[in-house]
Amino acid sequence: MSSIKKSDLAILIALLVIVILLKPALSAISGTQAPVAVVRGNSMLPLLHEGDLVFLHHVDPQDIKVGDIVVYKSIYGGYIIHRVIKVIETPNGFLYETKGDNNPADDSMLGQFPEGFGVSYDRIAGVVWSPANKTLIVPIIGVISLFI
């Protein structure tokens, strides 16, 4: 524990407990069952770092736009936090082509688009909350959950 002091770790744990205890209230406010998400990996650098905590909110399918950061269910299990780079309207609803800011190619290279062209709305868990175009991030606090 050389880079993180014990007092800093205690504060991080306390904040994480508070977020967990507030989850029902956050769910009601955000309109989504998963009001918070922890960033895993480095695909969204330089904006989002591994262990960052982001807050989600519900957005109707037609209101998700290019530039939004979404959290969606991976076809391999778990969730992916990536940016929408294209919105496609089809007769069956909307599809969202996504890409990590730090990735060289879109998520089709990850095999995430079995629907053909993007992520379907039913796989979207929420949109990362960005009031006034400033993404709300709590740095590092989620790193604890990566080891649980």
Protein backbone atom coordinates (compact mmCIF):
# COMPACT_ATOMS: atom_id res chain seq x y z
CA MET A 1 0.00 0.00 0.00
CA SER A 2 2.77 2.39 -0.81
CA SER A 3 0.88 4.60 -3.30
CA ILE A 4 -2.37 4.83 -1.31
CA LYS A 5 -2.31 5.82 2.34
CA LYS A 6 -4.49 3.88 4.77
CA SER A 7 -6.52 7.01 5.56
CA ASP A 8 -7.21 7.52 1.84
CA LEU A 9 -8.27 3.89 1.52
CA ALA A 10 -10.63 4.28 4.49
CA ILE A 11 -12.22 7.31 2.84
CA LEU A 12 -12.64 5.41 -0.43
CA ILE A 13 -14.26 2.47 1.36
CA ALA A 14 -16.59 4.81 3.25
CA LEU A 15 -17.63 6.54 0.02
CA LEU A 16 -18.24 3.19 -1.66
CA VAL A 17 -20.44 2.08 1.26
CA ILE A 18 -22.40 5.34 1.02
CA VAL A 19 -22.98 4.81 -2.72
CA ILE A 20 -24.15 1.23 -2.08
CA LEU A 21 -26.53 2.37 0.66
CA LEU A 22 -27.89 5.14 -1.56
CA LYS A 23 -28.46 2.83 -4.54
CA PRO A 24 -32.28 2.67 -4.11
CA ALA A 25 -32.52 6.46 -4.04
CA LEU A 26 -30.10 6.80 -6.96
CA SER A 27 -32.17 4.26 -8.93
CA ALA A 28 -35.34 6.27 -8.36
CA ILE A 29 -33.67 9.54 -9.37
CA SER A 30 -31.84 8.16 -12.41
CA GLY A 31 -34.68 6.00 -13.74
CA THR A 32 -32.38 3.02 -14.17
CA GLN A 33 -31.81 -0.13 -12.11
CA ALA A 34 -28.04 0.34 -12.35
CA PRO A 35 -27.47 3.99 -11.34
CA VAL A 36 -23.69 3.64 -11.02
CA ALA A 37 -21.01 1.78 -12.96
CA VAL A 38 -17.32 1.13 -12.40
CA VAL A 39 -14.93 1.58 -15.30
CA ARG A 40 -12.97 -1.58 -16.09
CA GLY A 41 -10.01 -1.37 -18.43
CA ASN A 42 -8.50 1.52 -20.35
CA SER A 43 -10.69 1.70 -23.44
CA MET A 44 -12.12 5.11 -22.48
CA LEU A 45 -8.84 6.88 -21.71
CA PRO A 46 -8.08 9.72 -21.34
CA LEU A 47 -11.54 10.62 -19.95
CA LEU A 48 -12.32 7.52 -17.89
CA HIS A 49 -9.75 5.49 -15.97
CA GLU A 50 -10.00 2.01 -14.52
CA GLY A 51 -11.74 2.20 -11.16
CA ASP A 52 -13.58 5.46 -11.88
CA LEU A 53 -17.21 5.52 -10.80
CA VAL A 54 -19.77 7.01 -13.21
CA PHE A 55 -23.44 7.77 -12.70
CA LEU A 56 -26.09 6.62 -15.17
CA HIS A 57 -29.53 7.83 -16.10
CA HIS A 58 -32.36 6.55 -18.27
CA VAL A 59 -32.71 8.01 -21.76
CA ASP A 60 -35.40 7.09 -24.28
CA PRO A 61 -34.09 5.37 -27.44
CA GLN A 62 -34.62 8.36 -29.73
CA ASP A 63 -32.75 10.65 -27.31
CA ILE A 64 -29.44 8.76 -27.29
CA LYS A 65 -27.12 10.69 -29.58
CA VAL A 66 -23.65 10.56 -31.08
CA GLY A 67 -21.14 11.51 -28.39
CA ASP A 68 -23.13 10.05 -25.48
CA ILE A 69 -21.31 7.52 -23.32
CA VAL A 70 -23.48 4.46 -22.74
CA VAL A 71 -23.21 1.40 -20.55
CA TYR A 72 -24.45 -1.69 -22.34
CA LYS A 73 -24.68 -5.41 -21.66
CA SER A 74 -21.88 -7.32 -23.36
CA ILE A 75 -22.90 -10.46 -25.23
CA TYR A 76 -20.09 -12.16 -23.29
CA GLY A 77 -21.39 -11.11 -19.86
CA GLY A 78 -20.71 -7.98 -17.87
CA TYR A 79 -21.03 -4.43 -19.11
CA ILE A 80 -19.12 -2.15 -21.48
CA ILE A 81 -18.80 1.63 -21.13
CA HIS A 82 -18.22 3.17 -24.57
CA ARG A 83 -19.14 6.23 -26.62
CA VAL A 84 -21.88 6.25 -29.27
CA ILE A 85 -20.32 7.04 -32.65
CA LYS A 86 -23.36 6.39 -34.84
CA VAL A 87 -27.13 6.07 -34.33
CA ILE A 88 -29.04 3.88 -36.77
CA GLU A 89 -32.83 3.92 -36.95
CA THR A 90 -34.30 0.64 -38.23
CA PRO A 91 -37.88 -0.63 -38.58
CA ASN A 92 -37.24 -2.63 -35.37
CA GLY A 93 -35.90 0.31 -33.34
CA PHE A 94 -32.60 2.05 -32.79
CA LEU A 95 -29.09 0.59 -32.95
CA TYR A 96 -26.04 2.35 -31.55
CA GLU A 97 -22.56 1.86 -32.96
CA THR A 98 -20.10 2.26 -30.09
CA LYS A 99 -16.37 2.59 -29.60
CA GLY A 100 -13.97 3.08 -26.73
CA ASP A 101 -12.20 6.45 -27.04
CA ASN A 102 -8.85 4.68 -26.67
CA ASN A 103 -9.68 1.80 -29.04
CA PRO A 104 -8.52 1.74 -32.67
CA ALA A 105 -11.82 0.38 -34.01
CA ASP A 106 -15.50 0.25 -33.11
CA ASP A 107 -17.05 -2.51 -31.03
CA SER A 108 -17.86 -4.66 -34.07
CA MET A 109 -14.23 -5.75 -33.80
CA LEU A 110 -15.10 -7.10 -30.33
CA GLY A 111 -17.99 -9.11 -31.78
CA GLN A 112 -20.50 -7.01 -29.87
CA PHE A 113 -22.96 -6.38 -32.72
CA PRO A 114 -24.80 -9.65 -33.42
CA GLU A 115 -27.74 -7.47 -34.43
CA GLY A 116 -25.62 -6.47 -37.42
CA PHE A 117 -24.77 -2.79 -37.09
CA GLY A 118 -24.77 -1.80 -33.45
CA VAL A 119 -26.03 -2.34 -29.93
CA SER A 120 -29.82 -2.60 -29.62
CA TYR A 121 -31.63 -0.39 -27.12
CA ASP A 122 -32.67 -3.35 -24.98
CA ARG A 123 -28.97 -3.88 -24.12
CA ILE A 124 -28.46 -0.29 -22.94
CA ALA A 125 -28.28 -0.09 -19.13
CA GLY A 126 -28.03 3.69 -19.12
CA VAL A 127 -26.29 6.79 -20.36
CA VAL A 128 -23.42 8.27 -18.35
CA TRP A 129 -24.61 11.45 -16.68
CA SER A 130 -22.89 14.50 -18.18
CA PRO A 131 -24.56 17.69 -16.95
CA ALA A 132 -23.47 20.72 -19.00
CA ASN A 133 -21.36 18.32 -21.10
CA LYS A 134 -19.11 17.56 -18.12
CA THR A 135 -19.03 13.84 -17.37
CA LEU A 136 -19.64 13.25 -13.66
CA ILE A 137 -16.82 10.98 -12.49
CA VAL A 138 -15.74 9.92 -9.02
CA PRO A 139 -12.09 8.97 -9.57
CA ILE A 140 -10.64 5.70 -8.27
CA ILE A 141 -13.42 4.89 -5.77
CA GLY A 142 -14.67 1.94 -7.81
CA VAL A 143 -11.27 0.26 -7.86
CA ILE A 144 -12.20 -1.56 -4.64
CA SER A 145 -15.03 -3.35 -6.44
CA LEU A 146 -12.60 -4.62 -9.07
CA PHE A 147 -11.02 -6.86 -6.44
CA ILE A 148 -14.24 -8.16 -4.86
